[in-house]
Amino acid sequence: MNNDALDLKPLTISIIIATIPHFQRLPWWIMVWCIFFWGYSFTGHSIRVSYQAKKWILVLLTLAGIAGILSEYRTVLGQDAGVGLICVMTSLKLLEIKNRRDLIITVFIIYFIIISNLLFSSSVMMTFYMFISVFITTSVLVFYTQKSLEPGRCIRISGALLIRALPLMIIMFVFFPRIQGTLWKGFRINSGKAGFSDTLVPGALSDLALTGELAFRVDFKDKKPPVNKLYWKGLVFGNFDGRAWKKSMAYAFPEYSSKSEAQYEYVITLEPSNSRYMFVSGCPVKAPQGSEIQTDGTLKSKSIITERLKYTVLSEESCNELALISPGEEFWALPKSGNYLSLKLGSRWKSEFSSQTRIIGAALDFLRNGGFSYSLRPPKLLTADSVDEFLFSTKKGYCEHYASAFTFLMRASGIPARVVGGYLGGNLNPVGGHITVTQDKAHAWVEVFLENKGWTIIDPTSVVAPDIFTRGLSSAVPVDEMPVLMTLPENRFIGTLWKKTANILDYINHGWNSFVIGYTYNKQKSFFESIGINSTRVSGALYIIFIMLFSGIAIFLVSWKIRFRDPLKKKDPIAWAWIEFCHKMGRIGLNKYNNEGPFEFLERIRIERPDLKNTAEPIINKYIFLKYANVTSNKENISEFTTMVRKFVAGRKK
């Protein structure tokens, strides 16, 4: 490669394509940093060595980049900080490239950037994008290692390489021993995931709902309850300090045998949340492996959920044994001071009504007829008396506002109550038949303890915004508070097309997660057993190794045979043999330039590699004769030329 002019344009394009998916999570200054240096490289893609940054400038820029990463993430370790650092450093790498070695090193760094996307997403769309990025990067690698080739030829070679690698990839995917977990599990540090926390404050769920991210998917095996009546319970809040609710104490509850006929089984595929909360509908009867049923009716994982988790739950519609567990002191308790108006209202209901049912009815009527409204962007509660401020002043809130206030009123009336966090309903996918639950379905409701009945669901939001139970969130809040993609009209072409497309993509992703990403150690073991291989024994392991080796050799032989069945070889054997000769010269560092004719190429070989003159010169002269002489090429001449090329060995200069 001519060191006087390095064409960095293909390399820069490859870096841009590989880095773009990370822009959604990188801070603004890293994006500006990258765009600036990409622009510098792209606009001056044919630069000379003298234009490269001086060493002291590169040192200062490197130190500035590292300082910026430390300031932003407080570390250079972890997936977020690590990706930010490699993006910053790769953009600087463009300023110090001097030769082909630097180019190739940068290309392999790009491969690393591409695979780092798996730290954040393994969806089918991301996998497809990564495949395209690998294809482009491989084309760039071919371009820089085979300078004599046209760009179109580099693209075709890249495509051929990936296609030939595909069968081997499938064989390795199916048969190579799976590890339990992922190689990058330990690198998931401070990766922000939307979801519930141990504390519930006003505005927490409304902010969560605006993300619209996927929470989990559900497949019902037989009986499927009405979607809009599904309450997906995740955690229970019992301790209230006057402003925030904190998760209540709960303990493992032994599994019990239920004779109820109102049971249903379903499979949940839960997205990673960096918590232990597992969501269930109804009352869980049997805990999935790696989890335990809690005394508050929730399901808790024994380990933090950092990866997608698939579990099967058997539930019943009414919690017989769990519902009758007597409420602890925390479900009666109220702060020692504050919210006096709400306390007074609850005390009045307690003295006026003799039954718990009438007290609950009075509280619901108060919310139904009190001028309250439902909002994703309610006003902030600024005083210490947050319940009073909401009930008697702002009267505008999201589900957690109503659940919090209602629970407070129940306790003030002498009824044990607790706030429950989870999700309401979901979107039924007509393509796959599964239910998709996204963060905009995040919801808070109330459970009250009734005499002779136990813990019972009361949803105060239902009297303020009943439409959310039948028509969804968009029907209950003002349009200007909703994200654009959540307000597309369903009865118009764009909205309908968007919904159908989203359902198809969701179905594809669900299948991808189940059969590809979900191809775990246990599934692989089951597959081996289905074909008569016991992978836990030495004989089984040897059999698997034999299958992989045999498949690999077979794929290699087929690829080798296909390589020599190049259509060009049959159509124009002279051109095919000439390209093979140029490839051989390129492998020793003598690449034929695109604008270089056979005579010029021969002259350069004489100067740079005089030891090859006696073997290369006859081949080039023969090619010139066959290609440009005004004679008819017979089979003997063509065969002689192709034989000369095949026997030509271009050794490196000693």
Foldseek 3Di string as FASTA:
>chain_A
DDLFWAQCQLVLVLLCLLCVVCVVPADPVLVVLLVVLSVVCNVPRTHGPVQADDPVVLVVQLVVQVVVLCVVPVDCAFLRNVLSNLSNVLSSLSRNDRDLVSSLVSLVSSLVSLVSVVVPDDFPVSVVSSVVSQLSSQLVVCCSLFVQDDSVVSSVVSVLVVVLCVVLVVLCQQQPFFDFDDPCLVRHPPDADQDDDQKDFFLNLLVLLQVFAFFKWKDWDPDDPPQLAWFWFWFWFQADQLTMTGTDDWDFDDADDDPDPQKTKMKMWGAAHQAFTDIDTAAFRDAWPQWGQILQRGIGGVDHRHGTDMTMTMHGNHDDPSQPDDDDPSLLDDHPDALVVLLVVLCVLLVPDDFLVVLLVVLLVCLLPVPAAEASDFDDQDDSNSLCCCSPPRSYGHQVNQQVNSSSSCSSNVWGKIKTWDFGGFCQQPVQRMGITTSSRTHIWMWIQHPPRGTDTDRSVCSRFVCCSPPNDCVRYDPVRHDPLVPPDCPDDVNVVVVNVVSVSVNSRVVCCVPRVVCHSVVSCVVCVVVPARCVDPVSVVVSVVVSVVSVVVSVVVSVVVVVVPVCCVVPVLVVLVVLLQVQCSVQPLHDHNPDDLVRSLVVCCVPPVVCNVLVVVLSVLSCCCPPPPDDDDPVSSVVNSVSSVPDHDDHDD
